[in-house]
Amino acid sequence: MDTEFVGTLEERTARRTLRVFAIDAIGPLTMLGGVIWAIAQPYRLAVLHPHGKGLYDWLGQGPLLVILAGVFFAGVIAPGLVEDMRGAEEQREEKA
């Protein structure tokens, strides 16, 4: 049996702490909030009503910016935070 496979399996089955779960959930919840906002107020999306819209209206669409912020957090910020938290947890376990 390959030890790399076993190591990754152990990482997958390791119990995630509440902090790690919360950090992982912020991005998807933010994206969900943007989608709900877009459904609740579709007139804010210039894509659906393009008549008489300027550049600012195309670049500054609130719901889409919220979704983009959620994608950025989930893809760029959260993985680093989770990795740091897991490293800190491992250091605490080694000291104990």
N, C-alpha and C. Protein backbone atom coordinates (compact mmCIF):
# COMPACT_ATOMS: atom_id res chain seq x y z
N MET A 1 0.86 -1.17 0.00
CA MET A 1 0.00 0.00 0.00
C MET A 1 0.90 1.23 0.00
N ASP A 2 0.57 2.18 -0.82
CA ASP A 2 1.36 3.40 -0.95
C ASP A 2 1.13 4.29 0.28
N THR A 3 2.21 4.72 0.91
CA THR A 3 2.07 5.54 2.11
C THR A 3 1.51 6.92 1.80
N GLU A 4 1.75 7.41 0.59
CA GLU A 4 1.20 8.73 0.23
C GLU A 4 -0.32 8.67 0.21
N PHE A 5 -0.86 7.56 -0.31
CA PHE A 5 -2.32 7.40 -0.33
C PHE A 5 -2.87 7.34 1.08
N VAL A 6 -2.21 6.63 1.95
CA VAL A 6 -2.67 6.51 3.33
C VAL A 6 -2.59 7.86 4.03
N GLY A 7 -1.53 8.59 3.76
CA GLY A 7 -1.40 9.91 4.37
C GLY A 7 -2.51 10.85 3.94
N THR A 8 -2.85 10.86 2.67
CA THR A 8 -3.91 11.74 2.21
C THR A 8 -5.27 11.26 2.72
N LEU A 9 -5.44 9.95 2.88
CA LEU A 9 -6.68 9.43 3.42
C LEU A 9 -6.84 9.86 4.87
N GLU A 10 -5.75 9.84 5.63
CA GLU A 10 -5.82 10.28 7.02
C GLU A 10 -6.17 11.75 7.10
N GLU A 11 -5.62 12.56 6.19
CA GLU A 11 -5.95 13.97 6.19
C GLU A 11 -7.41 14.20 5.84
N ARG A 12 -7.93 13.40 4.93
CA ARG A 12 -9.34 13.55 4.55
C ARG A 12 -10.27 13.16 5.67
N THR A 13 -9.93 12.13 6.39
CA THR A 13 -10.82 11.65 7.44
C THR A 13 -10.60 12.34 8.76
N ALA A 14 -9.58 13.18 8.87
CA ALA A 14 -9.35 13.89 10.12
C ALA A 14 -10.52 14.83 10.38
N ARG A 15 -10.89 14.91 11.63
CA ARG A 15 -12.02 15.74 12.00
C ARG A 15 -11.63 17.21 11.90
N ARG A 16 -12.45 17.97 11.23
CA ARG A 16 -12.19 19.40 11.10
C ARG A 16 -12.75 20.13 12.31
N THR A 17 -11.99 21.09 12.79
CA THR A 17 -12.46 21.88 13.92
C THR A 17 -13.52 22.86 13.45
N LEU A 18 -14.20 23.44 14.40
CA LEU A 18 -15.24 24.40 14.08
C LEU A 18 -14.65 25.63 13.39
N ARG A 19 -13.46 26.04 13.80
CA ARG A 19 -12.83 27.20 13.18
C ARG A 19 -12.53 26.94 11.70
N VAL A 20 -11.98 25.78 11.41
CA VAL A 20 -11.65 25.43 10.03
C VAL A 20 -12.94 25.35 9.21
N PHE A 21 -13.97 24.75 9.77
CA PHE A 21 -15.24 24.66 9.07
C PHE A 21 -15.82 26.04 8.79
N ALA A 22 -15.72 26.95 9.76
CA ALA A 22 -16.24 28.31 9.58
C ALA A 22 -15.48 29.06 8.49
N ILE A 23 -14.16 28.93 8.47
CA ILE A 23 -13.37 29.60 7.44
C ILE A 23 -13.71 29.02 6.07
N ASP A 24 -13.84 27.71 5.98
CA ASP A 24 -14.20 27.09 4.71
C ASP A 24 -15.60 27.49 4.25
N ALA A 25 -16.49 27.81 5.17
CA ALA A 25 -17.88 28.12 4.83
C ALA A 25 -18.09 29.58 4.44
N ILE A 26 -17.18 30.48 4.79
CA ILE A 26 -17.39 31.90 4.52
C ILE A 26 -17.52 32.17 3.01
N GLY A 27 -16.63 31.61 2.21
CA GLY A 27 -16.68 31.85 0.77
C GLY A 27 -17.97 31.37 0.12
N PRO A 28 -18.34 30.10 0.31
CA PRO A 28 -19.60 29.63 -0.30
C PRO A 28 -20.84 30.36 0.22
N LEU A 29 -20.84 30.72 1.49
CA LEU A 29 -21.99 31.46 2.02
C LEU A 29 -22.07 32.86 1.42
N THR A 30 -20.92 33.48 1.19
CA THR A 30 -20.91 34.79 0.55
C THR A 30 -21.42 34.69 -0.88
N MET A 31 -20.99 33.65 -1.59
CA MET A 31 -21.48 33.45 -2.96
C MET A 31 -22.99 33.21 -2.96
N LEU A 32 -23.47 32.42 -2.02
CA LEU A 32 -24.90 32.16 -1.92
C LEU A 32 -25.65 33.45 -1.64
N GLY A 33 -25.10 34.31 -0.78
CA GLY A 33 -25.73 35.59 -0.51
C GLY A 33 -25.83 36.46 -1.75
N GLY A 34 -24.79 36.45 -2.57
CA GLY A 34 -24.83 37.20 -3.82
C GLY A 34 -25.88 36.66 -4.78
N VAL A 35 -26.01 35.36 -4.85
CA VAL A 35 -27.02 34.75 -5.73
C VAL A 35 -28.42 35.09 -5.24
N ILE A 36 -28.62 35.00 -3.93
CA ILE A 36 -29.93 35.34 -3.37
C ILE A 36 -30.25 36.82 -3.62
N TRP A 37 -29.25 37.69 -3.46
CA TRP A 37 -29.44 39.11 -3.73
C TRP A 37 -29.81 39.33 -5.20
N ALA A 38 -29.13 38.63 -6.09
CA ALA A 38 -29.42 38.78 -7.53
C ALA A 38 -30.83 38.30 -7.86
N ILE A 39 -31.28 37.26 -7.19
CA ILE A 39 -32.65 36.76 -7.43
C ILE A 39 -33.67 37.71 -6.82
N ALA A 40 -33.37 38.24 -5.64
CA ALA A 40 -34.32 39.11 -4.96
C ALA A 40 -34.43 40.48 -5.63
N GLN A 41 -33.34 40.98 -6.21
CA GLN A 41 -33.36 42.29 -6.85
C GLN A 41 -32.73 42.20 -8.24
N PRO A 42 -33.41 41.58 -9.19
CA PRO A 42 -32.81 41.39 -10.52
C PRO A 42 -32.59 42.70 -11.27
N TYR A 43 -33.27 43.78 -10.89
CA TYR A 43 -33.08 45.06 -11.58
C TYR A 43 -31.69 45.64 -11.34
N ARG A 44 -30.95 45.12 -10.35
CA ARG A 44 -29.60 45.59 -10.08
C ARG A 44 -28.58 45.04 -11.08
N LEU A 45 -28.95 44.03 -11.84
CA LEU A 45 -28.05 43.43 -12.81
C LEU A 45 -28.23 44.10 -14.17
N ALA A 46 -27.18 44.81 -14.62
CA ALA A 46 -27.25 45.50 -15.90
C ALA A 46 -27.33 44.51 -17.06
N VAL A 47 -26.91 43.29 -16.85
CA VAL A 47 -26.96 42.28 -17.90
C VAL A 47 -28.41 42.00 -18.31
N LEU A 48 -29.31 42.07 -17.35
CA LEU A 48 -30.71 41.78 -17.63
C LEU A 48 -31.45 42.98 -18.23
N HIS A 49 -31.00 44.20 -17.91
CA HIS A 49 -31.63 45.43 -18.39
C HIS A 49 -30.54 46.37 -18.91
N PRO A 50 -30.01 46.13 -20.12
CA PRO A 50 -28.84 46.89 -20.59
C PRO A 50 -29.14 48.28 -21.14
N HIS A 51 -30.36 48.70 -21.21
CA HIS A 51 -30.71 49.97 -21.85
C HIS A 51 -30.27 51.16 -21.00
N GLY A 52 -29.44 52.02 -21.58
CA GLY A 52 -29.02 53.24 -20.91
C GLY A 52 -28.03 53.04 -19.78
N LYS A 53 -27.32 51.96 -19.77
CA LYS A 53 -26.35 51.68 -18.70
C LYS A 53 -24.97 52.14 -19.12
N GLY A 54 -24.23 52.73 -18.19
CA GLY A 54 -22.88 53.17 -18.46
C GLY A 54 -21.85 52.15 -17.99
N LEU A 55 -20.57 52.52 -18.10
CA LEU A 55 -19.49 51.61 -17.72
C LEU A 55 -19.57 51.25 -16.24
N TYR A 56 -19.86 52.24 -15.40
CA TYR A 56 -19.95 51.97 -13.97
C TYR A 56 -21.04 50.94 -13.68
N ASP A 57 -22.15 51.05 -14.36
CA ASP A 57 -23.24 50.10 -14.14
C ASP A 57 -22.84 48.68 -14.51
N TRP A 58 -21.97 48.54 -15.53
CA TRP A 58 -21.52 47.21 -15.93
C TRP A 58 -20.46 46.67 -14.98
N LEU A 59 -19.59 47.54 -14.45
CA LEU A 59 -18.50 47.07 -13.57
C LEU A 59 -18.91 46.97 -12.11
N GLY A 60 -19.87 47.76 -11.70
CA GLY A 60 -20.23 47.81 -10.29
C GLY A 60 -21.56 47.18 -9.97
N GLN A 61 -21.79 46.01 -10.46
CA GLN A 61 -23.04 45.30 -10.17
C GLN A 61 -22.91 44.59 -8.83
N GLY A 62 -23.64 45.07 -7.84
CA GLY A 62 -23.50 44.59 -6.47
C GLY A 62 -23.53 43.08 -6.29
N PRO A 63 -24.57 42.40 -6.74
CA PRO A 63 -24.62 40.95 -6.53
C PRO A 63 -23.45 40.20 -7.16
N LEU A 64 -23.03 40.65 -8.35
CA LEU A 64 -21.91 39.98 -9.00
C LEU A 64 -20.60 40.24 -8.27
N LEU A 65 -20.44 41.44 -7.71
CA LEU A 65 -19.24 41.73 -6.92
C LEU A 65 -19.19 40.89 -5.65
N VAL A 66 -20.35 40.68 -5.04
CA VAL A 66 -20.40 39.83 -3.84
C VAL A 66 -20.04 38.39 -4.19
N ILE A 67 -20.54 37.89 -5.29
CA ILE A 67 -20.20 36.54 -5.73
C ILE A 67 -18.71 36.44 -6.02
N LEU A 68 -18.16 37.45 -6.69
CA LEU A 68 -16.73 37.48 -7.00
C LEU A 68 -15.89 37.51 -5.73
N ALA A 69 -16.33 38.28 -4.73
CA ALA A 69 -15.61 38.32 -3.46
C ALA A 69 -15.62 36.95 -2.79
N GLY A 70 -16.75 36.25 -2.85
CA GLY A 70 -16.83 34.91 -2.29
C GLY A 70 -15.92 33.92 -2.99
N VAL A 71 -15.84 34.02 -4.31
CA VAL A 71 -14.95 33.14 -5.08
C VAL A 71 -13.50 33.43 -4.73
N PHE A 72 -13.15 34.71 -4.63
CA PHE A 72 -11.79 35.09 -4.28
C PHE A 72 -11.42 34.59 -2.88
N PHE A 73 -12.32 34.75 -1.92
CA PHE A 73 -12.03 34.29 -0.57
C PHE A 73 -11.88 32.78 -0.53
N ALA A 74 -12.80 32.06 -1.18
CA ALA A 74 -12.75 30.60 -1.15
C ALA A 74 -11.54 30.05 -1.88
N GLY A 75 -11.12 30.72 -2.95
CA GLY A 75 -10.03 30.18 -3.75
C GLY A 75 -8.65 30.65 -3.36
N VAL A 76 -8.54 31.86 -2.78
CA VAL A 76 -7.23 32.44 -2.51
C VAL A 76 -6.94 32.57 -1.02
N ILE A 77 -7.87 33.10 -0.27
CA ILE A 77 -7.60 33.42 1.14
C ILE A 77 -7.83 32.22 2.06
N ALA A 78 -8.96 31.55 1.91
CA ALA A 78 -9.31 30.46 2.83
C ALA A 78 -8.32 29.31 2.85
N PRO A 79 -7.80 28.84 1.71
CA PRO A 79 -6.86 27.72 1.78
C PRO A 79 -5.61 28.02 2.62
N GLY A 80 -5.10 29.23 2.51
CA GLY A 80 -3.94 29.61 3.32
C GLY A 80 -4.27 29.68 4.80
N LEU A 81 -5.43 30.23 5.12
CA LEU A 81 -5.84 30.30 6.52
C LEU A 81 -6.03 28.90 7.12
N VAL A 82 -6.67 28.04 6.35
CA VAL A 82 -6.92 26.67 6.84
C VAL A 82 -5.60 25.93 7.03
N GLU A 83 -4.68 26.11 6.10
CA GLU A 83 -3.37 25.46 6.22
C GLU A 83 -2.63 25.95 7.46
N ASP A 84 -2.67 27.25 7.70
CA ASP A 84 -2.03 27.79 8.90
C ASP A 84 -2.68 27.27 10.17
N MET A 85 -4.00 27.17 10.18
CA MET A 85 -4.70 26.67 11.36
C MET A 85 -4.37 25.20 11.62
N ARG A 86 -4.30 24.41 10.57
CA ARG A 86 -3.96 22.99 10.75
C ARG A 86 -2.52 22.84 11.23
N GLY A 87 -1.61 23.68 10.71
CA GLY A 87 -0.22 23.65 11.16
C GLY A 87 -0.11 24.01 12.64
N ALA A 88 -0.89 25.00 13.07
CA ALA A 88 -0.88 25.39 14.47
C ALA A 88 -1.44 24.27 15.35
N GLU A 89 -2.48 23.60 14.86
CA GLU A 89 -3.06 22.49 15.62
C GLU A 89 -2.05 21.35 15.76
N GLU A 90 -1.31 21.06 14.68
CA GLU A 90 -0.31 19.99 14.73
C GLU A 90 0.81 20.35 15.70
N GLN A 91 1.21 21.60 15.74
CA GLN A 91 2.25 22.02 16.67
C GLN A 91 1.77 21.88 18.10
N ARG A 92 0.52 22.22 18.36
CA ARG A 92 -0.03 22.07 19.71
C ARG A 92 -0.07 20.59 20.11
N GLU A 93 -0.42 19.72 19.16
CA GLU A 93 -0.49 18.29 19.45
C GLU A 93 0.90 17.73 19.72
N GLU A 94 1.92 18.22 19.00
CA GLU A 94 3.29 17.74 19.22
C GLU A 94 3.82 18.17 20.57
N LYS A 95 3.44 19.35 21.04
CA LYS A 95 3.91 19.83 22.34
C LYS A 95 3.26 19.08 23.48
N ALA A 96 2.02 18.64 23.27
CA ALA A 96 1.27 17.98 24.35
C ALA A 96 1.72 16.56 24.55
